[in-house]
Each structure stands twice: as structure tokens, then as C-alpha cells.
Amino acid sequence: MVEPARVVATGLLLAPDATWLARCAPLFDLVDVFSVTPESTWRGKALAPNDYAAAFRQIAARRRRPMVGHGVGFSLASADASLRQERWLPALARDHAAFDFQWYTEHLGLTVAAGEDLQIPLPVPHTAANAARVRASLDRLAAVMGTVGVENSAWTIHPGQPLDEPAWLADTLGDRHHLLLDLHNLYASAVNLGFDPEAWLARAPLHRVIELHLSGGDDAPATWGAGRRIRLDSHDHDVPNEVWSLFEAVLPHCPNLRCVTLERQEGTVEAGDTSLLAECIIRITETVA
């Protein structure tokens, strides 16, 4: 029997910004899937839906496209995030019912520490205890959201050895959960921590990859790193050549890949950028075909 060809979708992360949505509207018919960050559709401590919740649903409904969820602040690795997770899970369940997410992914790291909210996920050591903690958080998410996964984050510092992360991720995910492989995050971490991203990929559980993210970023001002180059995962520039090369190299080794998603931050799309973003989407579609 001949196996059917694998079908990999092309996705776009929707940004909560009216100007972004207007300028990127020509891109919507070019993609197969829309990605949404639930926190971007909430307002206030009650996590009530804001205007973008309806706007995003309308965009997907008009174009008859499925949606996937992609979170940032659930704090998978925190030891003291139970209160946040208890508050967020009902809101995520509500959004899952409204958006019918095909799967849901969350950034690796902790965004709650010692009771304080952090702006971005921070890294944790690659220990068995932390793997168990992240896995337990993923289990909680899966009970509400169904198919779930974790995204590798972009690190500027890390308490462990970067090339130990892939094996730790494999242990964390087990045979149930999935990996969202963000290739610009990997590239940024490699620049910042001084390792070979291809060596990282050679150790990674690529059979668990459900989605790839492509984006661009920028280098931080030289004053930030006391002369050391620091790459930011700022989603405000075109996908760099190094990330395209990683994409083309890793694509054949992700047998369970479902989607490749382009990310571009709100407030960073100028009037002339739409055609460049369209070229990126077309390049993705042609590469996965």
C-alpha cells in the first residue's frame, strides 16, 4: 500500500493590533491555519474576552480556516504557579470552546517566581524534578485543551548546558506531549549561549515536533551585553537566512509535523512590509509541498 503524502499546513500568528490586522489582511487567504495567543484576547483580572477575541474568530470564520492556540504565560515550570494555572484554565477552556483549537502549545520556562509576575519566560535547570513539573503542567493543560505541546524558548542566559536541553525535553514530553520547534528561538539561543544549533537539532526529539515557528529578530544594542552579542526574539524583522537554512535542514526529519507558522509582532508591520511577508508565506508553502 502506498502511504499518502504528508500534508503540512502554513500558518500565521494573529496579532492584537488594528493596524497590523489591516495591513496583513491580504495575507489571510495565503495561509491554511491561524494561530492565536489566548492572553492577547483577554482583559482585566477576570480574563474576560476583549474585542480581539471576536475579531480573530471572525477572521477565521470568513476564511473557513482552523485555529491553533499558542500561550506565553501559563508558567509551565514554576513551582508556585498553581494559583495562576487555576485562574487561567477556565479561561483557556472557554477559548477552546470558542476557537476550537486544533492543538495548544505553551512557552517553556517560568513566568511566576516567588509570587512575582515575570515579563518573559525564564529558564530552569535541566533536572528530573523540573521535567516532572513541566510534564504535570502539560497534563493539566491537556485535560482542558486536548493535544498540547511546549515551545523551546530563546535564552540569553541559562543555568544548564544548552546541548543537554534536547534530551531533557524528550524526557519532559514523554510519549504523550509534543514539541513546537521555534527555529528563530533556537538560532537566538545559539548566538547568545555559543553553541551549534545543528548539534542541538541532532539531539532533539524531532518525532515529537507538531509545529514549526519561523520569525525574525534583531541584535540588542551593544551596551546590553558588555560587548557580547545578544540576539533578541523580537519578531520585528524578516526571517534571517540562518533560520531559513535551519528550516530546510530540519523539515525532512519531522515526520509528525502539522504546520509551519510565521510570526510577526504587532506594531512592526509597515505599509510596505505586506508583500515581503507574503513572499515568506509563499516560500514556506512551497518548501513544505
C-alpha atoms as a PDB file:
ATOM      1  CA  MET A   1       0.000   0.000   0.000  1.00  0.00           C
ATOM      2  CA  VAL A   2       1.304   3.436  -0.900  1.00  0.00           C
ATOM      3  CA  GLU A   3       1.348   5.804   2.066  1.00  0.00           C
ATOM      4  CA  PRO A   4      -0.479   9.120   1.468  1.00  0.00           C
ATOM      5  CA  ALA A   5       1.695  12.205   1.104  1.00  0.00           C
ATOM      6  CA  ARG A   6       2.135  14.195   4.289  1.00  0.00           C
ATOM      7  CA  VAL A   7       0.208  17.440   4.263  1.00  0.00           C
ATOM      8  CA  VAL A   8       1.810  20.290   6.205  1.00  0.00           C
ATOM      9  CA  ALA A   9      -0.197  23.486   6.632  1.00  0.00           C
ATOM     10  CA  THR A  10       1.078  27.054   6.550  1.00  0.00           C
ATOM     11  CA  GLY A  11       0.032  29.253   9.480  1.00  0.00           C
ATOM     12  CA  LEU A  12       0.081  32.867  10.617  1.00  0.00           C
ATOM     13  CA  LEU A  13       0.024  34.135  14.200  1.00  0.00           C
ATOM     14  CA  LEU A  14      -2.628  36.860  14.521  1.00  0.00           C
ATOM     15  CA  ALA A  15      -1.512  39.972  16.394  1.00  0.00           C
ATOM     16  CA  PRO A  16      -3.780  42.091  18.643  1.00  0.00           C
ATOM     17  CA  ASP A  17      -3.348  45.332  16.758  1.00  0.00           C
ATOM     18  CA  ALA A  18      -5.830  47.017  14.422  1.00  0.00           C
ATOM     19  CA  THR A  19      -3.150  48.418  12.118  1.00  0.00           C
ATOM     20  CA  TRP A  20      -1.416  45.026  11.932  1.00  0.00           C
ATOM     21  CA  LEU A  21      -4.699  43.310  11.065  1.00  0.00           C
ATOM     22  CA  ALA A  22      -5.495  45.845   8.347  1.00  0.00           C
ATOM     23  CA  ARG A  23      -2.048  45.675   6.759  1.00  0.00           C
ATOM     24  CA  CYS A  24      -1.821  41.882   6.991  1.00  0.00           C
ATOM     25  CA  ALA A  25      -5.350  41.205   5.708  1.00  0.00           C
ATOM     26  CA  PRO A  26      -4.008  40.366   2.203  1.00  0.00           C
ATOM     27  CA  LEU A  27      -2.039  37.518   3.800  1.00  0.00           C
ATOM     28  CA  PHE A  28      -5.050  35.781   5.309  1.00  0.00           C
ATOM     29  CA  ASP A  29      -6.054  33.952   2.127  1.00  0.00           C
ATOM     30  CA  LEU A  30      -2.486  32.681   1.685  1.00  0.00           C
ATOM     31  CA  VAL A  31      -2.437  30.567   4.857  1.00  0.00           C
ATOM     32  CA  ASP A  32      -4.230  27.396   5.964  1.00  0.00           C
ATOM     33  CA  VAL A  33      -4.267  27.965   9.728  1.00  0.00           C
ATOM     34  CA  PHE A  34      -4.482  30.916  12.109  1.00  0.00           C
ATOM     35  CA  SER A  35      -2.612  30.867  15.418  1.00  0.00           C
ATOM     36  CA  VAL A  36      -3.853  32.851  18.416  1.00  0.00           C
ATOM     37  CA  THR A  37      -2.266  33.690  21.768  1.00  0.00           C
ATOM     38  CA  PRO A  38      -5.195  33.492  24.216  1.00  0.00           C
ATOM     39  CA  GLU A  39      -3.730  36.109  26.566  1.00  0.00           C
ATOM     40  CA  SER A  40      -3.955  38.620  23.715  1.00  0.00           C
ATOM     41  CA  THR A  41      -7.744  38.175  23.727  1.00  0.00           C
ATOM     42  CA  TRP A  42      -8.205  38.792  27.481  1.00  0.00           C
ATOM     43  CA  ARG A  43      -8.699  41.945  29.540  1.00  0.00           C
ATOM     44  CA  GLY A  44      -8.575  42.607  33.269  1.00  0.00           C
ATOM     45  CA  LYS A  45      -8.069  40.283  36.209  1.00  0.00           C
ATOM     46  CA  ALA A  46     -11.245  38.434  35.264  1.00  0.00           C
ATOM     47  CA  LEU A  47      -9.566  37.388  31.976  1.00  0.00           C
ATOM     48  CA  ALA A  48     -12.733  38.421  30.156  1.00  0.00           C
ATOM     49  CA  PRO A  49     -12.723  38.389  26.332  1.00  0.00           C
ATOM     50  CA  ASN A  50     -11.630  41.633  24.699  1.00  0.00           C
ATOM     51  CA  ASP A  51     -12.504  42.918  21.239  1.00  0.00           C
ATOM     52  CA  TYR A  52      -9.781  40.857  19.573  1.00  0.00           C
ATOM     53  CA  ALA A  53     -11.428  37.612  20.652  1.00  0.00           C
ATOM     54  CA  ALA A  54     -14.368  38.351  18.357  1.00  0.00           C
ATOM     55  CA  ALA A  55     -12.159  39.840  15.635  1.00  0.00           C
ATOM     56  CA  PHE A  56      -9.948  36.745  15.459  1.00  0.00           C
ATOM     57  CA  ARG A  57     -12.947  34.395  15.360  1.00  0.00           C
ATOM     58  CA  GLN A  58     -14.449  36.481  12.558  1.00  0.00           C
ATOM     59  CA  ILE A  59     -11.246  36.334  10.510  1.00  0.00           C
ATOM     60  CA  ALA A  60     -11.102  32.545  10.810  1.00  0.00           C
ATOM     61  CA  ALA A  61     -14.818  32.081  10.123  1.00  0.00           C
ATOM     62  CA  ARG A  62     -14.805  34.245   6.999  1.00  0.00           C
ATOM     63  CA  ARG A  63     -11.922  32.285   5.523  1.00  0.00           C
ATOM     64  CA  ARG A  64     -13.027  28.932   6.934  1.00  0.00           C
ATOM     65  CA  ARG A  65      -9.654  28.282   8.485  1.00  0.00           C
ATOM     66  CA  PRO A  66      -8.941  26.228  11.632  1.00  0.00           C
ATOM     67  CA  MET A  67      -7.162  27.775  14.609  1.00  0.00           C
ATOM     68  CA  VAL A  68      -4.408  26.696  16.969  1.00  0.00           C
ATOM     69  CA  GLY A  69      -3.581  28.201  20.358  1.00  0.00           C
ATOM     70  CA  HIS A  70      -0.168  29.394  21.470  1.00  0.00           C
ATOM     71  CA  GLY A  71       0.357  30.682  25.002  1.00  0.00           C
ATOM     72  CA  VAL A  72       3.173  32.530  26.716  1.00  0.00           C
ATOM     73  CA  GLY A  73       2.450  32.991  30.410  1.00  0.00           C
ATOM     74  CA  PHE A  74       0.953  29.789  31.834  1.00  0.00           C
ATOM     75  CA  SER A  75       4.301  29.211  33.583  1.00  0.00           C
ATOM     76  CA  LEU A  76       4.864  25.540  32.886  1.00  0.00           C
ATOM     77  CA  ALA A  77       7.987  25.260  35.027  1.00  0.00           C
ATOM     78  CA  SER A  78       7.060  27.310  38.096  1.00  0.00           C
ATOM     79  CA  ALA A  79       6.863  25.634  41.475  1.00  0.00           C
ATOM     80  CA  ASP A  80       4.395  28.279  42.711  1.00  0.00           C
ATOM     81  CA  ALA A  81       2.196  28.838  39.639  1.00  0.00           C
ATOM     82  CA  SER A  82      -0.781  26.781  40.805  1.00  0.00           C
ATOM     83  CA  LEU A  83      -2.895  29.866  41.548  1.00  0.00           C
ATOM     84  CA  ARG A  84      -2.221  31.304  38.099  1.00  0.00           C
ATOM     85  CA  GLN A  85      -2.922  27.983  36.431  1.00  0.00           C
ATOM     86  CA  GLU A  86      -6.178  27.563  38.361  1.00  0.00           C
ATOM     87  CA  ARG A  87      -7.280  31.032  37.191  1.00  0.00           C
ATOM     88  CA  TRP A  88      -6.192  30.525  33.608  1.00  0.00           C
ATOM     89  CA  LEU A  89      -7.546  27.043  32.938  1.00  0.00           C
ATOM     90  CA  PRO A  90     -11.238  28.115  32.923  1.00  0.00           C
ATOM     91  CA  ALA A  91     -10.387  30.983  30.547  1.00  0.00           C
ATOM     92  CA  LEU A  92      -8.468  28.602  28.295  1.00  0.00           C
ATOM     93  CA  ALA A  93     -11.374  26.153  28.352  1.00  0.00           C
ATOM     94  CA  ARG A  94     -13.731  28.980  27.337  1.00  0.00           C
ATOM     95  CA  ASP A  95     -11.400  29.972  24.490  1.00  0.00           C
ATOM     96  CA  HIS A  96     -11.004  26.375  23.375  1.00  0.00           C
ATOM     97  CA  ALA A  97     -14.783  26.116  23.089  1.00  0.00           C
ATOM     98  CA  ALA A  98     -14.946  29.391  21.149  1.00  0.00           C
ATOM     99  CA  PHE A  99     -11.955  28.910  18.838  1.00  0.00           C
ATOM    100  CA  ASP A 100     -11.951  25.093  18.560  1.00  0.00           C
ATOM    101  CA  PHE A 101      -8.158  24.944  18.769  1.00  0.00           C
ATOM    102  CA  GLN A 102      -6.699  22.012  16.851  1.00  0.00           C
ATOM    103  CA  TRP A 103      -3.851  21.895  19.378  1.00  0.00           C
ATOM    104  CA  TYR A 104      -2.374  24.184  22.011  1.00  0.00           C
ATOM    105  CA  THR A 105       1.261  24.994  22.798  1.00  0.00           C
ATOM    106  CA  GLU A 106       2.911  26.947  25.584  1.00  0.00           C
ATOM    107  CA  HIS A 107       6.343  28.545  26.020  1.00  0.00           C
ATOM    108  CA  LEU A 108       8.899  26.646  28.067  1.00  0.00           C
ATOM    109  CA  GLY A 109      10.018  28.346  31.262  1.00  0.00           C
ATOM    110  CA  LEU A 110       8.589  30.062  34.309  1.00  0.00           C
ATOM    111  CA  THR A 111       6.660  33.335  34.310  1.00  0.00           C
ATOM    112  CA  VAL A 112       5.834  33.266  38.021  1.00  0.00           C
ATOM    113  CA  ALA A 113       8.592  33.188  40.644  1.00  0.00           C
ATOM    114  CA  ALA A 114       8.323  33.888  44.379  1.00  0.00           C
ATOM    115  CA  GLY A 115       4.842  35.243  43.754  1.00  0.00           C
ATOM    116  CA  GLU A 116       6.060  37.802  41.220  1.00  0.00           C
ATOM    117  CA  ASP A 117       4.897  38.011  37.615  1.00  0.00           C
ATOM    118  CA  LEU A 118       7.758  37.985  35.104  1.00  0.00           C
ATOM    119  CA  GLN A 119       7.673  39.649  31.717  1.00  0.00           C
ATOM    120  CA  ILE A 120       9.146  36.743  29.755  1.00  0.00           C
ATOM    121  CA  PRO A 121       9.672  33.027  30.473  1.00  0.00           C
ATOM    122  CA  LEU A 122      12.891  32.385  32.376  1.00  0.00           C
ATOM    123  CA  PRO A 123      14.907  29.155  32.072  1.00  0.00           C
ATOM    124  CA  VAL A 124      15.112  26.375  34.626  1.00  0.00           C
ATOM    125  CA  PRO A 125      17.849  23.777  35.235  1.00  0.00           C
ATOM    126  CA  HIS A 126      17.557  20.506  33.314  1.00  0.00           C
ATOM    127  CA  THR A 127      16.652  18.347  36.304  1.00  0.00           C
ATOM    128  CA  ALA A 128      14.299  15.401  36.650  1.00  0.00           C
ATOM    129  CA  ALA A 129      12.207  17.408  39.119  1.00  0.00           C
ATOM    130  CA  ASN A 130      11.750  20.267  36.661  1.00  0.00           C
ATOM    131  CA  ALA A 131      10.917  17.831  33.856  1.00  0.00           C
ATOM    132  CA  ALA A 132       8.240  16.304  36.073  1.00  0.00           C
ATOM    133  CA  ARG A 133       6.890  19.761  36.944  1.00  0.00           C
ATOM    134  CA  VAL A 134       6.605  20.808  33.299  1.00  0.00           C
ATOM    135  CA  ARG A 135       5.058  17.459  32.384  1.00  0.00           C
ATOM    136  CA  ALA A 136       2.468  17.838  35.169  1.00  0.00           C
ATOM    137  CA  SER A 137       1.593  21.320  33.865  1.00  0.00           C
ATOM    138  CA  LEU A 138       1.211  19.922  30.362  1.00  0.00           C
ATOM    139  CA  ASP A 139      -1.047  17.200  31.749  1.00  0.00           C
ATOM    140  CA  ARG A 140      -3.257  19.894  33.318  1.00  0.00           C
ATOM    141  CA  LEU A 141      -3.420  21.717  30.016  1.00  0.00           C
ATOM    142  CA  ALA A 142      -4.171  18.532  28.091  1.00  0.00           C
ATOM    143  CA  ALA A 143      -7.128  17.769  30.374  1.00  0.00           C
ATOM    144  CA  VAL A 144      -8.679  21.032  29.157  1.00  0.00           C
ATOM    145  CA  MET A 145      -7.172  21.649  25.709  1.00  0.00           C
ATOM    146  CA  GLY A 146      -6.625  18.162  24.262  1.00  0.00           C
ATOM    147  CA  THR A 147      -3.427  17.936  22.236  1.00  0.00           C
ATOM    148  CA  VAL A 148      -0.736  20.133  23.809  1.00  0.00           C
ATOM    149  CA  GLY A 149       2.943  20.859  23.439  1.00  0.00           C
ATOM    150  CA  VAL A 150       5.792  23.043  24.618  1.00  0.00           C
ATOM    151  CA  GLU A 151       7.856  25.576  22.664  1.00  0.00           C
ATOM    152  CA  ASN A 152      11.603  25.918  23.071  1.00  0.00           C
ATOM    153  CA  SER A 153      12.285  29.459  24.272  1.00  0.00           C
ATOM    154  CA  ALA A 154      15.000  31.943  23.314  1.00  0.00           C
ATOM    155  CA  TRP A 155      17.525  32.187  26.138  1.00  0.00           C
ATOM    156  CA  THR A 156      20.049  34.933  26.845  1.00  0.00           C
ATOM    157  CA  ILE A 157      21.314  33.074  29.926  1.00  0.00           C
ATOM    158  CA  HIS A 158      20.818  29.524  31.112  1.00  0.00           C
ATOM    159  CA  PRO A 159      21.807  27.629  34.284  1.00  0.00           C
ATOM    160  CA  GLY A 160      22.495  24.412  32.379  1.00  0.00           C
ATOM    161  CA  GLN A 161      24.328  23.168  29.314  1.00  0.00           C
ATOM    162  CA  PRO A 162      22.418  24.165  26.152  1.00  0.00           C
ATOM    163  CA  LEU A 163      23.103  20.879  24.383  1.00  0.00           C
ATOM    164  CA  ASP A 164      21.559  18.988  27.299  1.00  0.00           C
ATOM    165  CA  GLU A 165      18.212  20.656  26.629  1.00  0.00           C
ATOM    166  CA  PRO A 166      17.041  18.359  23.789  1.00  0.00           C
ATOM    167  CA  ALA A 167      17.361  15.179  25.882  1.00  0.00           C
ATOM    168  CA  TRP A 168      15.691  16.935  28.799  1.00  0.00           C
ATOM    169  CA  LEU A 169      12.839  17.990  26.518  1.00  0.00           C
ATOM    170  CA  ALA A 170      12.443  14.412  25.309  1.00  0.00           C
ATOM    171  CA  ASP A 171      12.140  13.246  28.914  1.00  0.00           C
ATOM    172  CA  THR A 172       9.714  16.067  29.682  1.00  0.00           C
ATOM    173  CA  LEU A 173       7.426  15.332  26.735  1.00  0.00           C
ATOM    174  CA  GLY A 174       7.441  11.554  27.085  1.00  0.00           C
ATOM    175  CA  ASP A 175       5.312   9.765  24.511  1.00  0.00           C
ATOM    176  CA  ARG A 176       2.207  11.913  25.028  1.00  0.00           C
ATOM    177  CA  HIS A 177       3.038  15.573  24.538  1.00  0.00           C
ATOM    178  CA  HIS A 178       4.508  17.487  21.618  1.00  0.00           C
ATOM    179  CA  LEU A 179       7.204  19.985  20.691  1.00  0.00           C
ATOM    180  CA  LEU A 180       6.714  23.301  18.951  1.00  0.00           C
ATOM    181  CA  LEU A 181      10.140  23.915  17.474  1.00  0.00           C
ATOM    182  CA  ASP A 182      10.764  27.647  17.131  1.00  0.00           C
ATOM    183  CA  LEU A 183      13.752  27.976  14.843  1.00  0.00           C
ATOM    184  CA  HIS A 184      14.450  31.644  15.488  1.00  0.00           C
ATOM    185  CA  ASN A 185      14.383  30.921  19.224  1.00  0.00           C
ATOM    186  CA  LEU A 186      16.927  28.175  18.608  1.00  0.00           C
ATOM    187  CA  TYR A 187      19.074  30.494  16.490  1.00  0.00           C
ATOM    188  CA  ALA A 188      18.906  33.254  19.126  1.00  0.00           C
ATOM    189  CA  SER A 189      19.828  30.849  21.921  1.00  0.00           C
ATOM    190  CA  ALA A 190      22.738  29.532  19.856  1.00  0.00           C
ATOM    191  CA  VAL A 191      24.066  33.064  19.291  1.00  0.00           C
ATOM    192  CA  ASN A 192      23.601  34.066  22.917  1.00  0.00           C
ATOM    193  CA  LEU A 193      24.944  30.906  24.560  1.00  0.00           C
ATOM    194  CA  GLY A 194      27.563  29.948  21.985  1.00  0.00           C
ATOM    195  CA  PHE A 195      26.526  26.539  20.664  1.00  0.00           C
ATOM    196  CA  ASP A 196      25.867  24.946  17.278  1.00  0.00           C
ATOM    197  CA  PRO A 197      22.120  24.889  16.527  1.00  0.00           C
ATOM    198  CA  GLU A 198      22.543  21.911  14.215  1.00  0.00           C
ATOM    199  CA  ALA A 199      24.115  19.962  17.082  1.00  0.00           C
ATOM    200  CA  TRP A 200      21.049  20.851  19.178  1.00  0.00           C
ATOM    201  CA  LEU A 201      18.734  19.615  16.423  1.00  0.00           C
ATOM    202  CA  ALA A 202      20.700  16.365  16.094  1.00  0.00           C
ATOM    203  CA  ARG A 203      19.837  15.612  19.729  1.00  0.00           C
ATOM    204  CA  ALA A 204      16.230  16.851  19.639  1.00  0.00           C
ATOM    205  CA  PRO A 205      13.105  14.617  19.723  1.00  0.00           C
ATOM    206  CA  LEU A 206      12.092  15.657  16.219  1.00  0.00           C
ATOM    207  CA  HIS A 207       9.466  12.911  16.035  1.00  0.00           C
ATOM    208  CA  ARG A 208       7.539  14.908  18.678  1.00  0.00           C
ATOM    209  CA  VAL A 209       7.520  18.131  16.599  1.00  0.00           C
ATOM    210  CA  ILE A 210       3.942  19.132  15.800  1.00  0.00           C
ATOM    211  CA  GLU A 211       4.618  22.690  14.621  1.00  0.00           C
ATOM    212  CA  LEU A 212       7.494  24.883  13.486  1.00  0.00           C
ATOM    213  CA  HIS A 213       7.711  28.638  14.063  1.00  0.00           C
ATOM    214  CA  LEU A 214       9.623  30.992  11.791  1.00  0.00           C
ATOM    215  CA  SER A 215      10.231  34.627  12.629  1.00  0.00           C
ATOM    216  CA  GLY A 216      12.867  37.329  12.656  1.00  0.00           C
ATOM    217  CA  GLY A 217      14.524  39.353  15.364  1.00  0.00           C
ATOM    218  CA  ASP A 218      17.309  41.792  15.952  1.00  0.00           C
ATOM    219  CA  ASP A 219      20.522  42.157  17.915  1.00  0.00           C
ATOM    220  CA  ALA A 220      20.308  44.087  21.160  1.00  0.00           C
ATOM    221  CA  PRO A 221      22.272  47.337  21.493  1.00  0.00           C
ATOM    222  CA  ALA A 222      25.933  46.663  22.160  1.00  0.00           C
ATOM    223  CA  THR A 223      25.648  48.248  25.598  1.00  0.00           C
ATOM    224  CA  TRP A 224      23.336  45.439  26.749  1.00  0.00           C
ATOM    225  CA  GLY A 225      25.912  42.692  26.732  1.00  0.00           C
ATOM    226  CA  ALA A 226      29.148  44.443  27.688  1.00  0.00           C
ATOM    227  CA  GLY A 227      30.495  43.742  24.216  1.00  0.00           C
ATOM    228  CA  ARG A 228      28.814  40.340  23.861  1.00  0.00           C
ATOM    229  CA  ARG A 229      26.340  39.898  21.016  1.00  0.00           C
ATOM    230  CA  ILE A 230      22.781  39.313  22.255  1.00  0.00           C
ATOM    231  CA  ARG A 231      20.119  38.179  19.818  1.00  0.00           C
ATOM    232  CA  LEU A 232      16.527  39.156  20.659  1.00  0.00           C
ATOM    233  CA  ASP A 233      13.478  37.114  19.756  1.00  0.00           C
ATOM    234  CA  SER A 234      11.627  40.313  18.906  1.00  0.00           C
ATOM    235  CA  HIS A 235       9.564  39.161  15.907  1.00  0.00           C
ATOM    236  CA  ASP A 236      10.121  42.548  14.272  1.00  0.00           C
ATOM    237  CA  HIS A 237      12.230  41.715  11.217  1.00  0.00           C
ATOM    238  CA  ASP A 238      12.278  39.351   8.263  1.00  0.00           C
ATOM    239  CA  VAL A 239      13.228  35.708   8.757  1.00  0.00           C
ATOM    240  CA  PRO A 240      17.048  35.662   8.551  1.00  0.00           C
ATOM    241  CA  ASN A 241      18.950  33.373   6.181  1.00  0.00           C
ATOM    242  CA  GLU A 242      20.281  31.332   9.099  1.00  0.00           C
ATOM    243  CA  VAL A 243      16.734  30.428  10.133  1.00  0.00           C
ATOM    244  CA  TRP A 244      15.693  29.551   6.576  1.00  0.00           C
ATOM    245  CA  SER A 245      18.686  27.207   6.418  1.00  0.00           C
ATOM    246  CA  LEU A 246      17.700  25.520   9.693  1.00  0.00           C
ATOM    247  CA  PHE A 247      14.140  25.172   8.386  1.00  0.00           C
ATOM    248  CA  GLU A 248      15.201  23.472   5.177  1.00  0.00           C
ATOM    249  CA  ALA A 249      17.586  21.177   7.061  1.00  0.00           C
ATOM    250  CA  VAL A 250      15.172  20.044   9.780  1.00  0.00           C
ATOM    251  CA  LEU A 251      11.959  19.768   7.747  1.00  0.00           C
ATOM    252  CA  PRO A 252      12.610  16.235   6.375  1.00  0.00           C
ATOM    253  CA  HIS A 253      13.272  14.963   9.920  1.00  0.00           C
ATOM    254  CA  CYS A 254       9.925  15.966  11.466  1.00  0.00           C
ATOM    255  CA  PRO A 255       7.616  13.104  10.426  1.00  0.00           C
ATOM    256  CA  ASN A 256       4.640  14.270  12.522  1.00  0.00           C
ATOM    257  CA  LEU A 257       4.781  17.950  11.594  1.00  0.00           C
ATOM    258  CA  ARG A 258       1.346  19.517  11.046  1.00  0.00           C
ATOM    259  CA  CYS A 259       2.008  23.216  10.475  1.00  0.00           C
ATOM    260  CA  VAL A 260       4.699  25.840   9.869  1.00  0.00           C
ATOM    261  CA  THR A 261       3.682  29.214  11.327  1.00  0.00           C
ATOM    262  CA  LEU A 262       5.049  32.668  10.527  1.00  0.00           C
ATOM    263  CA  GLU A 263       5.189  35.164  13.410  1.00  0.00           C
ATOM    264  CA  ARG A 264       5.395  38.967  13.179  1.00  0.00           C
ATOM    265  CA  GLN A 265       4.905  41.224  16.197  1.00  0.00           C
ATOM    266  CA  GLU A 266       2.184  43.845  16.416  1.00  0.00           C
ATOM    267  CA  GLY A 267       3.420  47.366  15.760  1.00  0.00           C
ATOM    268  CA  THR A 268       6.215  46.181  13.465  1.00  0.00           C
ATOM    269  CA  VAL A 269       4.459  45.888  10.091  1.00  0.00           C
ATOM    270  CA  GLU A 270       4.936  48.982   7.963  1.00  0.00           C
ATOM    271  CA  ALA A 271       2.874  49.738   4.877  1.00  0.00           C
ATOM    272  CA  GLY A 272       5.497  48.249   2.578  1.00  0.00           C
ATOM    273  CA  ASP A 273       6.037  45.049   4.560  1.00  0.00           C
ATOM    274  CA  THR A 274       2.957  43.153   3.405  1.00  0.00           C
ATOM    275  CA  SER A 275       4.492  41.974   0.143  1.00  0.00           C
ATOM    276  CA  LEU A 276       7.630  40.785   1.962  1.00  0.00           C
ATOM    277  CA  LEU A 277       5.534  38.805   4.431  1.00  0.00           C
ATOM    278  CA  ALA A 278       3.573  37.320   1.536  1.00  0.00           C
ATOM    279  CA  GLU A 279       6.851  36.169  -0.005  1.00  0.00           C
ATOM    280  CA  CYS A 280       7.758  34.463   3.289  1.00  0.00           C
ATOM    281  CA  ILE A 281       4.409  32.651   3.407  1.00  0.00           C
ATOM    282  CA  ILE A 282       4.725  31.530  -0.212  1.00  0.00           C
ATOM    283  CA  ARG A 283       8.271  30.313   0.442  1.00  0.00           C
ATOM    284  CA  ILE A 284       7.060  28.276   3.412  1.00  0.00           C
ATOM    285  CA  THR A 285       4.203  26.775   1.393  1.00  0.00           C
ATOM    286  CA  GLU A 286       6.480  25.858  -1.496  1.00  0.00           C
ATOM    287  CA  THR A 287       9.102  24.353   0.831  1.00  0.00           C
ATOM    288  CA  VAL A 288       6.666  22.056   2.653  1.00  0.00           C
ATOM    289  CA  ALA A 289       4.888  20.972  -0.545  1.00  0.00           C
END
